[in-house]
Protein backbone atom coordinates (compact mmCIF):
# COMPACT_ATOMS: atom_id res chain seq x y z
CA MET A 1 -23.32 -6.03 -7.29
CA LEU A 2 -24.76 -8.35 -4.02
CA ALA A 3 -27.36 -6.85 -1.97
CA ASN A 4 -28.12 -6.78 1.86
CA ARG A 5 -31.15 -8.17 3.47
CA ARG A 6 -32.97 -5.54 2.32
CA GLY A 7 -31.98 -5.33 -0.91
CA GLU A 8 -29.37 -2.50 -0.71
CA GLY A 9 -26.88 -2.62 -3.13
CA ILE A 10 -23.37 -3.74 -1.89
CA ALA A 11 -20.21 -3.16 -3.90
CA PRO A 12 -18.11 -6.54 -3.84
CA LEU A 13 -14.37 -6.08 -1.56
CA ARG A 14 -11.88 -5.43 -4.30
CA ASP A 15 -9.63 -8.56 -4.48
CA ASP A 16 -6.10 -9.63 -5.38
CA LEU A 17 -6.99 -9.77 -8.90
CA TRP A 18 -8.25 -6.45 -9.22
CA LEU A 19 -5.02 -5.01 -7.62
CA ASP A 20 -3.22 -6.86 -10.32
CA GLY A 21 -5.37 -5.32 -13.13
CA ILE A 22 -4.68 -1.26 -11.21
CA LEU A 23 -0.68 -2.27 -11.14
CA ASN A 24 -1.06 -3.26 -15.03
CA GLU A 25 -2.99 -0.35 -16.08
CA ILE A 26 -0.68 2.41 -13.12
CA TRP A 27 2.47 0.50 -15.15
CA GLU A 28 1.16 0.88 -18.80
CA GLU A 29 0.30 4.13 -18.68
CA TYR A 30 2.66 6.33 -16.00
CA PHE A 31 5.26 4.24 -16.35
CA PRO A 32 6.07 2.51 -19.35
CA SER A 33 10.04 3.31 -19.63
CA VAL A 34 10.11 1.49 -16.08
CA SER A 35 11.15 -2.11 -17.40
CA ARG A 36 9.92 -4.59 -15.56
CA THR A 37 13.56 -5.94 -14.69
CA ASN A 38 11.48 -9.45 -12.48
CA GLU A 39 7.97 -10.72 -11.73
CA VAL A 40 6.02 -8.15 -9.70
CA VAL A 41 3.54 -9.62 -7.26
CA ILE A 42 0.79 -7.20 -5.61
CA GLU A 43 -1.61 -8.04 -2.98
CA PHE A 44 -4.35 -6.64 -0.41
CA SER A 45 -1.53 -7.27 2.97
CA ARG A 46 -2.19 -6.56 6.78
CA HIS A 47 -4.42 -4.00 8.23
CA TRP A 48 -1.40 -1.46 9.19
CA LYS A 49 -2.82 2.33 10.42
CA THR A 50 0.29 4.07 9.40
CA ARG A 51 1.39 2.49 5.93
CA LEU A 52 -0.53 2.19 3.09
CA GLY A 53 1.85 0.43 1.11
CA LEU A 54 5.12 -1.28 1.20
CA ILE A 55 8.05 -2.86 -1.46
CA ARG A 56 9.85 -5.20 -1.02
CA MET A 57 12.50 -8.02 -3.11
CA ASN A 58 13.57 -11.44 -2.58
CA GLU A 59 17.31 -11.93 -1.91
CA SER A 60 17.53 -13.71 -5.48
CA GLN A 61 16.42 -10.33 -6.77
CA SER A 62 13.48 -12.68 -9.04
CA ARG A 63 10.55 -11.59 -7.23
CA THR A 64 9.47 -8.13 -5.89
CA TYR A 65 6.53 -8.08 -3.64
CA ILE A 66 4.16 -4.96 -3.13
CA GLY A 67 1.88 -5.37 -0.41
CA ILE A 68 -0.93 -2.78 -0.40
CA ASN A 69 -3.28 -2.17 3.08
CA GLY A 70 -5.50 -4.46 3.16
CA LEU A 71 -8.34 -1.94 4.28
CA LEU A 72 -8.11 -0.27 1.16
CA ARG A 73 -9.98 -3.43 -0.82
CA HIS A 74 -13.37 -1.77 0.29
CA PRO A 75 -14.85 -0.20 -2.08
CA GLU A 76 -16.13 2.63 0.49
CA VAL A 77 -12.18 4.07 -0.19
CA PRO A 78 -12.13 5.88 -3.50
CA GLU A 79 -9.87 3.88 -6.08
CA VAL A 80 -7.96 6.91 -6.64
CA VAL A 81 -6.33 6.30 -3.31
CA VAL A 82 -5.36 2.38 -4.11
CA ARG A 83 -4.27 3.93 -7.51
CA ILE A 84 -1.87 6.32 -5.94
CA THR A 85 -0.78 3.93 -3.39
CA ALA A 86 0.15 1.83 -6.30
CA ALA A 87 1.39 3.99 -8.27
CA HIS A 88 3.54 5.19 -4.70
CA GLU A 89 5.53 1.81 -4.43
CA LEU A 90 6.42 1.43 -8.07
CA CYS A 91 8.03 4.82 -7.81
CA HIS A 92 10.42 2.85 -5.57
CA TYR A 93 10.96 0.06 -8.06
CA ALA A 94 11.76 2.88 -10.67
CA HIS A 95 14.26 4.05 -7.81
CA GLY A 96 15.85 0.62 -7.20
CA PHE A 97 14.12 0.15 -3.63
CA GLY A 98 12.64 -3.37 -3.72
CA SER A 99 13.36 -4.25 -7.63
CA PRO A 100 16.93 -4.91 -9.47
CA LEU A 101 17.25 -1.44 -10.91
CA PRO A 102 19.78 0.73 -10.21
CA ARG A 103 19.08 2.78 -6.78
CA LEU A 104 18.84 6.49 -7.64
CA PHE A 105 18.53 7.86 -4.26
CA ALA A 106 20.39 6.75 -0.59
CA HIS A 107 16.73 7.33 0.34
CA PRO A 108 13.22 6.28 -0.53
CA HIS A 109 11.57 9.43 0.74
CA ALA A 110 14.73 11.51 0.57
CA GLY A 111 13.43 15.71 -0.57
CA ASN A 112 9.67 14.11 -1.86
CA VAL A 113 11.67 12.32 -4.43
CA VAL A 114 8.36 10.38 -4.80
CA GLY A 115 5.98 12.62 -4.64
CA LYS A 116 7.82 14.55 -7.58
CA GLU A 117 8.03 11.50 -10.08
CA LEU A 118 4.33 11.18 -9.28
CA GLU A 119 4.05 14.57 -10.54
CA THR A 120 6.13 14.59 -13.51
CA ARG A 121 4.52 11.45 -14.45
CA GLY A 122 1.36 13.29 -14.47
CA LEU A 123 -0.61 12.37 -11.50
CA GLU A 124 -0.60 15.68 -9.73
CA ARG A 125 -4.25 15.90 -9.62
CA GLU A 126 -4.89 12.33 -8.32
CA LEU A 127 -1.97 12.96 -5.85
CA LEU A 128 -3.63 15.99 -4.18
CA PHE A 129 -7.09 14.00 -3.87
CA TYR A 130 -5.73 11.39 -2.38
CA GLY A 131 -3.67 13.95 0.16
CA ASP A 132 -6.65 15.43 0.98
CA TRP A 133 -8.75 11.99 1.39
CA ILE A 134 -6.28 10.34 3.96
CA ALA A 135 -5.80 13.89 5.72
CA ASP A 136 -9.24 14.17 6.36
CA CYS A 137 -11.03 10.49 6.21
CA TRP A 138 -8.24 8.25 6.75
CA GLN A 139 -8.26 8.28 10.48
CA ASP A 140 -12.14 7.98 10.94
CA TYR A 141 -12.26 5.34 8.57
CA TYR A 142 -9.42 3.41 9.98
CA ASN A 143 -10.95 3.45 13.53
CA ARG A 144 -14.37 2.61 11.44
CA GLN A 145 -13.16 -0.40 10.22
CA VAL A 146 -10.52 -1.81 12.62
CA GLY A 147 -13.83 -1.57 15.23
CA ALA A 148 -15.75 -3.45 12.45
CA ILE A 149 -13.30 -6.35 12.32
CA GLY A 150 -11.68 -6.02 15.37
CA GLN A 151 -7.89 -6.46 16.69
CA PRO A 152 -5.98 -9.05 18.95
CA LYS A 153 -5.94 -7.80 22.26
CA ARG A 154 -2.49 -8.75 24.45
CA SER A 155 -2.80 -9.59 27.60
CA GLY A 156 -0.20 -7.47 29.70
CA ALA A 157 1.41 -10.33 30.79
CA GLU A 158 2.15 -11.18 27.25
CA ILE A 159 3.10 -7.91 26.42
CA ASN A 160 5.35 -8.21 29.44
CA THR A 161 7.04 -10.83 28.12
CA ARG A 162 7.72 -9.74 24.84
CA ALA A 163 8.96 -6.94 26.15
CA ALA A 164 11.67 -8.25 28.43
CA ALA A 165 12.98 -10.20 25.58
CA ALA A 166 13.04 -7.31 23.38
CA ALA A 167 15.07 -5.58 26.42
CA GLY A 168 17.16 -8.82 26.36
CA ALA A 169 17.64 -9.08 22.48
CA HIS A 170 19.48 -5.56 22.89
CA ARG A 171 21.93 -6.03 25.62
């Protein structure tokens, strides 16, 4: 544990190696029947407001990338939130989204298939905590973090230029 100037303990930020360990633990404990048919890389990614994770696969299907919202690297976020976010993406992998496995559903979230999968695999209690934390804490946490790190501001001219370019692309 690190210390600040006043000698108070500060937990270090979580890193990609820590995150990879979390994914491997979840895979071994809750998803042992799911074959890892390609290389799977998990990393902290961008700071999204409305997305906690994503999964995608390269064209050759040799590599799957799981990105976890970079704001979840802070120890203030309960570890279970990170674990359920990674498990959520692993459900997509198991269902054939972002993986070479056969696609089991037409849409990745149809009929709450991810929530049902997490419950079936024994993560119901953690999923409930996760849902409560997202509902009760995420917005305030996000606002505090974005205020602390700042977000790049675009000028009005830049916004108008991008909007015009986007409109032209859709004609």
